[in-house]
N, C-alpha and C. Protein backbone atom coordinates (compact mmCIF):
# COMPACT_ATOMS: atom_id res chain seq x y z
N MET A 1 12.69 -117.57 -44.61
CA MET A 1 11.85 -116.37 -44.24
C MET A 1 10.46 -116.80 -44.66
N ASP A 2 9.49 -116.51 -43.77
CA ASP A 2 8.10 -116.81 -44.04
C ASP A 2 7.31 -115.72 -44.76
N SER A 3 5.93 -116.10 -45.25
CA SER A 3 5.32 -115.11 -45.91
C SER A 3 4.90 -113.88 -45.37
N ASN A 4 4.79 -114.08 -43.96
CA ASN A 4 4.46 -112.91 -43.13
C ASN A 4 5.60 -112.06 -43.00
N SER A 5 6.87 -112.55 -42.80
CA SER A 5 7.92 -111.73 -42.71
C SER A 5 8.30 -110.96 -44.07
N ILE A 6 7.76 -111.64 -45.07
CA ILE A 6 8.02 -111.01 -46.43
C ILE A 6 7.32 -109.96 -46.54
N ARG A 7 5.85 -110.12 -46.29
CA ARG A 7 4.91 -109.01 -46.35
C ARG A 7 5.34 -107.92 -45.57
N ARG A 8 5.76 -108.21 -44.17
CA ARG A 8 6.18 -106.91 -43.44
C ARG A 8 7.32 -106.25 -44.00
N LYS A 9 8.28 -106.97 -44.65
CA LYS A 9 9.43 -106.46 -45.07
C LYS A 9 9.19 -105.54 -46.47
N THR A 10 8.18 -105.95 -47.18
CA THR A 10 7.68 -105.36 -48.32
C THR A 10 6.86 -104.08 -47.96
N GLN A 11 6.25 -103.94 -46.87
CA GLN A 11 5.49 -102.76 -46.27
C GLN A 11 6.51 -101.70 -45.98
N LEU A 12 7.87 -101.97 -45.58
CA LEU A 12 8.77 -101.19 -45.12
C LEU A 12 9.67 -100.47 -46.32
N LEU A 13 9.35 -101.22 -47.63
CA LEU A 13 10.31 -100.82 -48.75
C LEU A 13 9.85 -99.20 -49.00
N THR A 14 10.62 -98.53 -49.34
CA THR A 14 10.49 -97.07 -49.81
C THR A 14 10.31 -97.34 -51.42
N PRO A 15 9.94 -96.31 -52.29
CA PRO A 15 9.58 -96.36 -53.38
C PRO A 15 11.14 -96.42 -54.02
N ASN A 16 12.16 -95.69 -53.55
CA ASN A 16 13.59 -95.97 -54.12
C ASN A 16 13.91 -97.37 -53.76
N GLN A 17 13.83 -98.08 -52.64
CA GLN A 17 13.97 -99.48 -52.60
C GLN A 17 13.39 -100.20 -53.65
N VAL A 18 12.04 -100.12 -54.04
CA VAL A 18 11.42 -100.55 -55.01
C VAL A 18 12.02 -100.67 -56.39
N CYS A 19 12.52 -99.49 -56.70
CA CYS A 19 13.15 -99.17 -58.04
C CYS A 19 14.46 -99.90 -58.09
N ALA A 20 15.18 -99.81 -56.90
CA ALA A 20 16.48 -100.41 -56.81
C ALA A 20 16.19 -101.87 -56.88
N GLU A 21 15.32 -102.63 -56.20
CA GLU A 21 15.11 -104.17 -56.45
C GLU A 21 14.79 -104.44 -57.84
N LEU A 22 14.27 -103.69 -58.59
CA LEU A 22 13.60 -103.92 -60.01
C LEU A 22 15.05 -103.77 -60.77
N LEU A 23 15.75 -102.66 -60.48
CA LEU A 23 16.88 -102.47 -61.39
C LEU A 23 18.03 -103.66 -61.20
N ALA A 24 17.89 -104.13 -59.84
CA ALA A 24 18.96 -105.26 -59.63
C ALA A 24 18.72 -106.53 -60.67
N LEU A 25 17.52 -106.71 -61.02
CA LEU A 25 17.22 -107.81 -61.95
C LEU A 25 17.84 -107.46 -63.30
N SER A 26 17.87 -106.39 -63.72
CA SER A 26 18.70 -106.01 -64.94
C SER A 26 20.09 -106.12 -64.93
N VAL A 27 20.74 -105.80 -63.58
CA VAL A 27 22.03 -105.86 -63.37
C VAL A 27 22.54 -107.47 -63.37
N VAL A 28 21.60 -108.25 -62.63
CA VAL A 28 21.85 -109.62 -62.63
C VAL A 28 21.90 -110.19 -64.21
N GLU A 29 21.00 -109.58 -65.09
CA GLU A 29 20.88 -109.96 -66.41
C GLU A 29 22.19 -109.70 -66.99
N TYR A 30 22.77 -108.59 -66.74
CA TYR A 30 24.16 -108.03 -67.12
C TYR A 30 25.27 -108.78 -66.87
N SER A 31 25.15 -109.56 -65.71
CA SER A 31 26.25 -110.37 -65.29
C SER A 31 26.32 -111.49 -66.34
N TYR A 32 25.31 -111.92 -67.01
CA TYR A 32 25.46 -112.97 -67.73
C TYR A 32 25.48 -112.71 -69.08
N THR A 33 25.05 -111.43 -69.63
CA THR A 33 25.29 -110.94 -71.00
C THR A 33 25.87 -109.32 -70.84
N PRO A 34 27.01 -109.22 -70.67
CA PRO A 34 27.76 -107.84 -70.38
C PRO A 34 27.56 -107.13 -71.62
N SER A 35 26.89 -107.47 -72.64
CA SER A 35 26.89 -106.52 -73.88
C SER A 35 25.45 -105.70 -73.88
N LEU A 36 24.78 -106.12 -72.81
CA LEU A 36 23.40 -105.68 -72.89
C LEU A 36 23.30 -104.08 -72.42
N ALA A 37 22.24 -103.39 -72.79
CA ALA A 37 21.83 -102.03 -72.47
C ALA A 37 21.02 -102.03 -71.32
N ILE A 38 21.06 -101.14 -70.31
CA ILE A 38 19.90 -100.99 -69.41
C ILE A 38 19.50 -99.57 -69.61
N THR A 39 18.33 -99.36 -69.39
CA THR A 39 17.59 -97.84 -69.51
C THR A 39 16.59 -97.90 -68.45
N VAL A 40 16.71 -96.76 -67.42
CA VAL A 40 15.84 -96.45 -66.24
C VAL A 40 15.12 -95.27 -66.71
N GLU A 41 13.77 -95.32 -66.83
CA GLU A 41 12.92 -93.91 -67.10
C GLU A 41 12.19 -93.93 -65.87
N LEU A 42 12.18 -92.62 -65.08
CA LEU A 42 11.57 -92.46 -63.96
C LEU A 42 10.69 -91.11 -64.00
N ASN A 43 9.47 -91.69 -63.57
CA ASN A 43 8.37 -90.29 -63.42
C ASN A 43 8.27 -90.13 -61.87
N GLU A 44 7.32 -89.42 -61.62
CA GLU A 44 7.28 -89.10 -60.10
C GLU A 44 6.94 -90.43 -59.16
N THR A 45 6.02 -91.35 -59.65
CA THR A 45 5.77 -92.39 -58.68
C THR A 45 5.75 -93.66 -59.68
N GLY A 46 6.79 -93.85 -60.35
CA GLY A 46 7.07 -95.09 -60.89
C GLY A 46 8.07 -94.95 -62.13
N GLY A 47 7.98 -95.81 -62.94
CA GLY A 47 8.87 -95.73 -64.17
C GLY A 47 8.91 -97.06 -64.99
N LYS A 48 10.09 -97.04 -65.60
CA LYS A 48 10.22 -98.20 -66.67
C LYS A 48 11.72 -98.63 -66.74
N ILE A 49 12.09 -99.92 -66.37
CA ILE A 49 13.40 -100.18 -66.56
C ILE A 49 13.29 -101.30 -67.64
N SER A 50 14.21 -101.17 -68.41
CA SER A 50 14.32 -101.95 -69.88
C SER A 50 15.82 -102.40 -69.84
N ASP A 51 15.92 -103.82 -70.33
CA ASP A 51 17.33 -104.27 -70.58
C ASP A 51 17.26 -105.06 -71.77
N THR A 52 18.33 -105.32 -72.44
CA THR A 52 18.47 -106.00 -73.88
C THR A 52 19.10 -107.40 -73.53
N GLY A 53 18.92 -108.00 -72.40
CA GLY A 53 19.37 -109.33 -72.05
C GLY A 53 18.46 -110.30 -72.75
N ARG A 54 18.53 -111.48 -72.01
CA ARG A 54 18.04 -112.74 -72.68
C ARG A 54 16.59 -112.81 -72.66
N GLY A 55 15.82 -112.06 -71.97
CA GLY A 55 14.39 -112.18 -71.62
C GLY A 55 13.94 -113.40 -70.65
N MET A 56 12.90 -113.39 -70.26
CA MET A 56 12.36 -114.29 -69.23
C MET A 56 11.12 -115.13 -69.95
N ASN A 57 11.00 -116.30 -69.68
CA ASN A 57 9.83 -117.12 -70.28
C ASN A 57 8.44 -116.51 -69.39
N LEU A 58 7.43 -116.15 -70.40
CA LEU A 58 5.99 -116.01 -69.70
C LEU A 58 5.13 -117.04 -70.17
N ILE A 59 5.84 -118.05 -70.58
CA ILE A 59 4.99 -119.18 -70.83
C ILE A 59 5.61 -120.50 -70.13
N PRO A 60 4.91 -121.29 -69.71
CA PRO A 60 5.71 -122.57 -68.98
C PRO A 60 6.60 -123.37 -69.87
N ASP A 61 7.59 -123.89 -69.25
CA ASP A 61 8.54 -124.62 -69.95
C ASP A 61 7.68 -126.00 -69.83
N ARG A 62 8.09 -126.87 -70.83
CA ARG A 62 7.39 -128.25 -70.98
C ARG A 62 7.50 -128.91 -69.50
N GLY A 63 6.34 -129.39 -68.92
CA GLY A 63 6.24 -130.19 -67.76
C GLY A 63 6.13 -129.11 -66.54
N ASP A 64 5.98 -127.81 -66.82
CA ASP A 64 5.86 -126.86 -65.64
C ASP A 64 4.46 -126.34 -65.72
N THR A 65 4.26 -125.89 -64.52
CA THR A 65 2.66 -125.05 -64.50
C THR A 65 2.82 -123.66 -64.60
N LEU A 66 4.06 -123.02 -64.14
CA LEU A 66 4.17 -121.80 -64.09
C LEU A 66 5.19 -121.32 -64.82
N PRO A 67 5.19 -120.00 -65.65
CA PRO A 67 6.32 -119.65 -66.44
C PRO A 67 7.37 -119.15 -65.45
N HIS A 68 8.66 -119.20 -66.01
CA HIS A 68 9.83 -118.83 -65.05
C HIS A 68 9.56 -117.33 -64.63
N ALA A 69 9.11 -116.41 -65.48
CA ALA A 69 8.97 -115.01 -64.88
C ALA A 69 7.82 -114.91 -63.88
N GLN A 70 6.76 -115.55 -63.97
CA GLN A 70 5.61 -115.49 -63.04
C GLN A 70 6.02 -116.04 -61.73
N ARG A 71 6.82 -117.29 -61.76
CA ARG A 71 7.41 -117.86 -60.52
C ARG A 71 8.20 -116.55 -59.88
N ALA A 72 9.05 -115.96 -60.46
CA ALA A 72 10.08 -114.99 -59.97
C ALA A 72 9.33 -113.84 -59.40
N LEU A 73 8.30 -113.40 -60.11
CA LEU A 73 7.57 -112.39 -59.78
C LEU A 73 6.66 -112.33 -58.55
N THR A 74 6.21 -113.63 -58.23
CA THR A 74 5.16 -114.08 -57.26
C THR A 74 5.70 -114.94 -56.21
N SER A 75 6.82 -115.31 -56.07
CA SER A 75 7.51 -116.10 -54.88
C SER A 75 8.97 -115.92 -54.68
N ILE A 76 9.21 -116.34 -53.61
CA ILE A 76 10.76 -116.05 -53.37
C ILE A 76 11.54 -117.08 -54.58
N TYR A 77 12.36 -116.26 -55.17
CA TYR A 77 13.06 -116.87 -56.37
C TYR A 77 14.30 -116.03 -56.35
N PRO A 78 15.15 -116.50 -55.65
CA PRO A 78 16.51 -115.43 -55.79
C PRO A 78 17.19 -115.51 -57.28
N CYS A 79 17.38 -114.31 -57.68
CA CYS A 79 17.88 -114.01 -59.02
C CYS A 79 19.50 -113.85 -58.72
N ARG A 80 20.30 -114.79 -58.95
CA ARG A 80 21.84 -114.92 -58.67
C ARG A 80 22.60 -114.28 -59.96
N PRO A 81 23.41 -113.34 -59.57
CA PRO A 81 24.34 -112.90 -60.53
C PRO A 81 25.37 -113.98 -61.00
N ALA A 82 26.26 -113.83 -62.23
CA ALA A 82 27.11 -114.82 -62.70
C ALA A 82 28.32 -114.77 -61.86
N THR A 83 28.59 -113.75 -61.05
CA THR A 83 29.90 -113.64 -60.40
C THR A 83 29.54 -113.41 -58.88
N PRO A 84 30.51 -113.87 -58.10
CA PRO A 84 30.27 -113.56 -56.59
C PRO A 84 30.48 -111.89 -56.51
N GLU A 85 31.52 -111.37 -57.36
CA GLU A 85 31.78 -109.99 -57.22
C GLU A 85 30.52 -109.01 -57.26
N ILE A 86 29.88 -109.52 -58.35
CA ILE A 86 28.46 -108.55 -58.55
C ILE A 86 27.48 -108.84 -57.59
N GLU A 87 27.48 -110.13 -57.16
CA GLU A 87 26.54 -110.55 -56.05
C GLU A 87 26.96 -109.65 -54.77
N SER A 88 28.15 -109.56 -54.53
CA SER A 88 28.48 -108.74 -53.33
C SER A 88 28.31 -107.26 -53.51
N ILE A 89 28.36 -106.72 -54.55
CA ILE A 89 28.11 -105.33 -54.77
C ILE A 89 26.40 -105.00 -54.81
N LEU A 90 25.70 -106.07 -55.46
CA LEU A 90 24.27 -106.02 -55.17
C LEU A 90 23.79 -106.07 -53.81
N CYS A 91 24.43 -106.89 -53.00
CA CYS A 91 24.24 -107.04 -51.42
C CYS A 91 24.51 -105.78 -50.76
N ALA A 92 25.62 -105.26 -50.98
CA ALA A 92 26.10 -103.96 -50.21
C ALA A 92 25.16 -102.75 -50.66
N GLN A 93 24.79 -102.79 -51.98
CA GLN A 93 24.04 -101.68 -52.40
C GLN A 93 22.38 -101.81 -52.47
N ILE A 94 22.06 -103.13 -52.70
CA ILE A 94 20.49 -103.17 -52.91
C ILE A 94 19.78 -104.04 -51.76
N TRP A 95 20.50 -105.35 -51.75
CA TRP A 95 19.81 -106.40 -51.10
C TRP A 95 20.07 -106.62 -49.70
N GLY A 96 21.09 -105.99 -49.18
CA GLY A 96 21.34 -106.24 -47.81
C GLY A 96 21.75 -107.77 -47.40
N GLU A 97 22.01 -108.06 -46.19
CA GLU A 97 22.47 -109.33 -45.80
C GLU A 97 21.81 -110.65 -46.11
N LEU A 98 20.31 -110.22 -46.54
CA LEU A 98 19.83 -111.38 -46.90
C LEU A 98 20.06 -111.89 -48.32
N GLY A 99 20.55 -111.02 -49.11
CA GLY A 99 20.77 -111.31 -50.50
C GLY A 99 19.64 -111.33 -51.24
N SER A 100 19.59 -111.77 -52.46
CA SER A 100 18.38 -111.60 -53.53
C SER A 100 17.42 -112.66 -52.93
N LEU A 101 16.31 -111.86 -52.86
CA LEU A 101 15.03 -112.72 -52.64
C LEU A 101 14.13 -112.88 -53.86
N GLY A 102 14.60 -112.16 -55.08
CA GLY A 102 14.13 -112.00 -56.28
C GLY A 102 13.27 -111.00 -56.57
N PRO A 103 12.62 -110.59 -57.61
CA PRO A 103 11.65 -109.46 -58.01
C PRO A 103 10.42 -109.36 -57.19
N MET A 104 9.97 -110.45 -56.64
CA MET A 104 8.64 -110.68 -55.95
C MET A 104 8.71 -109.44 -54.83
N LEU A 105 9.86 -109.33 -54.22
CA LEU A 105 9.69 -108.38 -53.05
C LEU A 105 9.22 -106.94 -53.68
N ALA A 106 9.93 -106.49 -54.58
CA ALA A 106 9.39 -105.27 -55.22
C ALA A 106 7.98 -105.41 -55.76
N ASN A 107 7.61 -106.32 -56.53
CA ASN A 107 6.47 -106.60 -56.98
C ASN A 107 5.32 -106.51 -56.07
N LEU A 108 5.51 -107.11 -54.67
CA LEU A 108 4.52 -107.03 -53.69
C LEU A 108 4.31 -105.71 -53.19
N SER A 109 5.12 -104.88 -53.51
CA SER A 109 5.15 -103.25 -52.92
C SER A 109 4.42 -102.40 -54.17
N CYS A 110 4.35 -103.07 -55.20
CA CYS A 110 3.73 -102.13 -56.49
C CYS A 110 2.21 -102.17 -56.55
N PRO A 111 1.72 -100.92 -56.63
CA PRO A 111 0.32 -101.15 -56.99
C PRO A 111 -0.02 -101.54 -58.41
N SER A 112 0.82 -101.57 -59.16
CA SER A 112 0.90 -102.08 -60.58
C SER A 112 2.46 -102.34 -61.13
N LEU A 113 2.32 -103.34 -61.80
CA LEU A 113 3.61 -103.81 -62.43
C LEU A 113 3.24 -104.37 -63.79
N GLN A 114 3.88 -104.10 -64.94
CA GLN A 114 3.67 -104.81 -66.01
C GLN A 114 5.09 -105.33 -66.33
N PHE A 115 5.06 -106.57 -66.82
CA PHE A 115 6.47 -107.27 -67.10
C PHE A 115 6.26 -107.67 -68.49
N ILE A 116 7.21 -107.24 -69.40
CA ILE A 116 7.39 -107.60 -70.77
C ILE A 116 8.56 -108.31 -71.06
N SER A 117 8.40 -109.40 -71.69
CA SER A 117 9.47 -110.19 -72.13
C SER A 117 9.76 -110.41 -73.56
N GLN A 118 10.95 -110.20 -74.27
CA GLN A 118 11.16 -110.30 -75.70
C GLN A 118 11.98 -111.57 -75.62
N ARG A 119 11.73 -112.71 -76.03
CA ARG A 119 12.36 -113.88 -75.97
C ARG A 119 12.08 -114.95 -77.24
N GLU A 120 13.00 -115.47 -77.94
CA GLU A 120 12.58 -116.42 -78.82
C GLU A 120 11.64 -116.01 -79.87
N GLY A 121 11.85 -114.56 -80.46
CA GLY A 121 11.02 -114.28 -81.52
C GLY A 121 9.67 -113.67 -81.12
N GLU A 122 9.34 -113.79 -79.88
CA GLU A 122 8.01 -113.31 -79.37
C GLU A 122 8.12 -112.30 -78.32
N VAL A 123 7.05 -111.26 -78.08
CA VAL A 123 6.77 -110.33 -77.06
C VAL A 123 5.69 -110.69 -76.25
N TRP A 124 5.99 -111.20 -74.89
CA TRP A 124 4.86 -111.59 -74.11
C TRP A 124 4.94 -110.35 -73.11
N SER A 125 3.64 -110.26 -72.29
CA SER A 125 3.35 -109.36 -71.27
C SER A 125 2.44 -109.90 -70.15
N GLN A 126 2.61 -109.65 -68.89
CA GLN A 126 1.93 -110.03 -68.02
C GLN A 126 1.68 -108.85 -66.84
N SER A 127 0.63 -108.45 -66.40
CA SER A 127 0.51 -107.23 -65.37
C SER A 127 0.26 -107.89 -64.12
N TYR A 128 0.57 -107.19 -63.00
CA TYR A 128 0.40 -107.62 -61.62
C TYR A 128 -0.15 -106.44 -60.80
N ARG A 129 -0.88 -106.75 -59.73
CA ARG A 129 -1.18 -105.81 -58.68
C ARG A 129 -0.80 -106.42 -57.38
N TYR A 130 -0.05 -105.69 -56.92
CA TYR A 130 0.78 -106.19 -55.49
C TYR A 130 1.10 -107.62 -55.59
N ALA A 131 1.92 -107.97 -56.63
CA ALA A 131 2.34 -109.37 -56.88
C ALA A 131 1.31 -110.47 -57.23
N THR A 132 -0.08 -109.97 -57.45
CA THR A 132 -0.97 -110.82 -57.76
C THR A 132 -1.32 -110.68 -59.41
N PRO A 133 -1.02 -111.68 -60.40
CA PRO A 133 -1.50 -111.45 -61.89
C PRO A 133 -2.83 -110.87 -62.05
N VAL A 134 -2.98 -109.98 -62.80
CA VAL A 134 -4.06 -109.44 -62.93
C VAL A 134 -4.77 -110.35 -64.12
N GLY A 135 -4.07 -111.17 -64.92
CA GLY A 135 -4.58 -112.20 -65.75
C GLY A 135 -3.56 -112.83 -66.37
N PRO A 136 -3.77 -113.90 -67.35
CA PRO A 136 -2.68 -114.76 -67.86
C PRO A 136 -1.62 -113.86 -68.65
N ALA A 137 -0.62 -114.43 -69.03
CA ALA A 137 0.32 -113.59 -70.02
C ALA A 137 -0.20 -113.51 -71.39
N THR A 138 -0.02 -112.43 -72.03
CA THR A 138 -0.70 -112.43 -73.18
C THR A 138 0.56 -112.24 -74.42
N MET A 139 0.53 -112.59 -75.52
CA MET A 139 1.65 -112.57 -76.53
C MET A 139 0.91 -111.16 -77.31
N LEU A 140 2.09 -110.28 -77.42
CA LEU A 140 1.96 -109.15 -77.88
C LEU A 140 2.27 -108.87 -79.47
N GLY A 141 3.16 -109.80 -79.88
CA GLY A 141 3.75 -109.86 -81.14
C GLY A 141 5.10 -110.58 -81.37
N ALA A 142 5.61 -110.29 -82.47
CA ALA A 142 6.84 -111.00 -83.01
C ALA A 142 7.86 -109.86 -82.72
N THR A 143 9.09 -110.40 -82.62
CA THR A 143 10.33 -109.43 -82.42
C THR A 143 11.61 -110.11 -82.90
N ASP A 144 12.62 -109.35 -83.31
CA ASP A 144 13.96 -110.00 -83.61
C ASP A 144 14.61 -109.41 -82.29
N LYS A 145 14.38 -109.11 -81.30
CA LYS A 145 14.97 -108.44 -80.06
C LYS A 145 14.81 -109.38 -78.94
N THR A 146 15.69 -109.23 -77.80
CA THR A 146 15.53 -109.92 -76.59
C THR A 146 15.55 -108.89 -75.60
N GLY A 147 14.95 -109.28 -74.31
CA GLY A 147 14.98 -108.41 -73.20
C GLY A 147 13.84 -108.49 -72.49
N THR A 148 13.80 -107.49 -71.30
CA THR A 148 12.79 -107.55 -70.35
C THR A 148 12.57 -105.90 -70.01
N THR A 149 11.30 -105.65 -70.04
CA THR A 149 10.90 -104.20 -69.61
C THR A 149 9.91 -104.60 -68.26
N GLN A 150 10.24 -103.72 -67.21
CA GLN A 150 9.26 -103.63 -66.07
C GLN A 150 8.68 -102.28 -65.90
N VAL A 151 7.44 -102.01 -66.32
CA VAL A 151 6.63 -100.72 -66.21
C VAL A 151 5.98 -100.82 -64.60
N PHE A 152 6.45 -99.97 -63.79
CA PHE A 152 5.92 -100.03 -62.47
C PHE A 152 5.30 -98.70 -61.82
N GLU A 153 4.53 -98.92 -61.04
CA GLU A 153 3.98 -97.90 -60.20
C GLU A 153 4.48 -98.00 -58.64
N THR A 154 4.69 -96.82 -58.04
CA THR A 154 5.06 -96.98 -56.69
C THR A 154 3.93 -96.31 -55.73
N ALA A 155 3.85 -96.50 -54.33
CA ALA A 155 2.73 -96.07 -53.74
C ALA A 155 3.13 -94.54 -53.32
N ALA A 156 4.44 -94.04 -53.34
CA ALA A 156 4.68 -92.77 -53.24
C ALA A 156 5.78 -92.26 -54.18
N PRO A 157 6.23 -91.18 -54.10
CA PRO A 157 7.21 -90.61 -54.97
C PRO A 157 8.48 -91.22 -54.90
N ILE A 158 9.31 -91.26 -55.97
CA ILE A 158 10.65 -91.79 -56.01
C ILE A 158 11.57 -90.68 -55.92
N ASP A 159 12.72 -90.68 -55.09
CA ASP A 159 13.76 -89.54 -55.06
C ASP A 159 14.64 -90.13 -56.35
N ARG A 160 14.63 -89.03 -57.15
CA ARG A 160 15.37 -89.37 -58.40
C ARG A 160 17.04 -89.11 -58.10
N VAL A 161 17.26 -88.38 -57.24
CA VAL A 161 18.73 -88.01 -56.86
C VAL A 161 19.00 -89.28 -56.22
N VAL A 162 18.41 -90.13 -55.32
CA VAL A 162 18.88 -91.36 -54.62
C VAL A 162 19.04 -92.37 -55.81
N ILE A 163 18.24 -92.57 -56.69
CA ILE A 163 18.47 -93.50 -57.89
C ILE A 163 19.59 -93.13 -58.65
N ALA A 164 19.70 -91.75 -59.08
CA ALA A 164 20.89 -91.39 -59.78
C ALA A 164 22.21 -91.81 -59.10
N ASN A 165 22.12 -91.49 -57.85
CA ASN A 165 23.51 -92.04 -57.03
C ASN A 165 23.63 -93.36 -57.09
N LEU A 166 22.63 -94.40 -57.00
CA LEU A 166 22.64 -95.56 -56.84
C LEU A 166 23.29 -96.04 -58.48
N VAL A 167 22.46 -95.39 -59.45
CA VAL A 167 23.07 -95.76 -60.89
C VAL A 167 24.62 -95.57 -60.89
N ASP A 168 24.93 -94.49 -60.58
CA ASP A 168 26.33 -93.94 -60.43
C ASP A 168 27.20 -94.90 -59.72
N THR A 169 26.88 -95.38 -58.46
CA THR A 169 27.50 -96.39 -57.69
C THR A 169 27.77 -97.55 -58.38
N LEU A 170 26.57 -98.16 -59.01
CA LEU A 170 26.55 -99.35 -59.54
C LEU A 170 27.62 -99.44 -60.90
N CYS A 171 27.42 -98.28 -61.62
CA CYS A 171 28.35 -98.30 -62.79
C CYS A 171 29.76 -97.90 -62.54
N THR A 172 30.13 -97.49 -61.32
CA THR A 172 31.65 -97.21 -61.02
C THR A 172 32.06 -98.59 -60.43
N ALA A 173 31.29 -99.40 -59.70
CA ALA A 173 31.79 -100.54 -59.02
C ALA A 173 31.72 -101.81 -60.08
N ILE A 174 31.01 -101.86 -60.99
CA ILE A 174 30.85 -103.12 -62.00
C ILE A 174 31.40 -102.63 -63.10
N PRO A 175 32.56 -103.22 -63.50
CA PRO A 175 33.21 -102.88 -64.78
C PRO A 175 32.39 -103.24 -65.90
N GLY A 176 32.38 -102.01 -67.01
CA GLY A 176 31.51 -102.12 -68.24
C GLY A 176 30.19 -101.83 -68.11
N LEU A 177 29.45 -101.95 -66.83
CA LEU A 177 28.06 -101.65 -66.74
C LEU A 177 27.82 -100.06 -67.27
N ARG A 178 26.81 -100.15 -68.01
CA ARG A 178 26.35 -98.83 -68.47
C ARG A 178 24.86 -98.71 -68.16
N ILE A 179 24.11 -97.65 -67.51
CA ILE A 179 22.79 -97.51 -67.20
C ILE A 179 22.41 -96.17 -67.64
N THR A 180 21.61 -96.10 -68.67
CA THR A 180 20.96 -94.66 -69.06
C THR A 180 19.93 -94.30 -68.16
N LEU A 181 19.98 -93.28 -67.53
CA LEU A 181 18.80 -92.69 -66.53
C LEU A 181 18.27 -91.49 -67.25
N LEU A 182 16.93 -91.71 -67.27
CA LEU A 182 15.84 -90.79 -67.89
C LEU A 182 15.03 -90.20 -66.96
N THR A 183 14.65 -89.04 -66.71
CA THR A 183 13.49 -88.76 -65.79
C THR A 183 12.64 -87.62 -66.55
N SER A 184 11.44 -87.51 -66.12
CA SER A 184 10.50 -86.67 -66.51
C SER A 184 9.75 -85.76 -65.57
């Protein structure tokens, strides 16, 4: 898929699909760490999705130029679940027949997205505007927790009923998955 096709696809994403694509990242993380908790907090035109997974690097690995998280948020970077069963469910409910293109697809549709990662004792954050970094990743402090938080804004209202139905469907289809949905 070329960059023009991707841009056209992101222009067609509804706010519900943006939220679903971002939620898929936490569900993928669940497939690797099934003890994690996922919380989705929605407001009218955005929200926050948090998980207690492994977190993603916001600083480059040795010998690399881009951090893992920035690469995933700015280019096609499929996020594959640990099992084909969960991948099949995510394809059926969120990704469609193309499968995962990664969180960049949703990030391209977001007027703003802040990605926060807790990993290896540190909390890092990087903000984006339509998948373009607003600045470099910054360290926010120390922590004894792990996980990711995505704070996002959509261009139009999110239908909370649609997202509630998606959460119910995912939790029913994926054994042990629990997602707390909060709306304001």
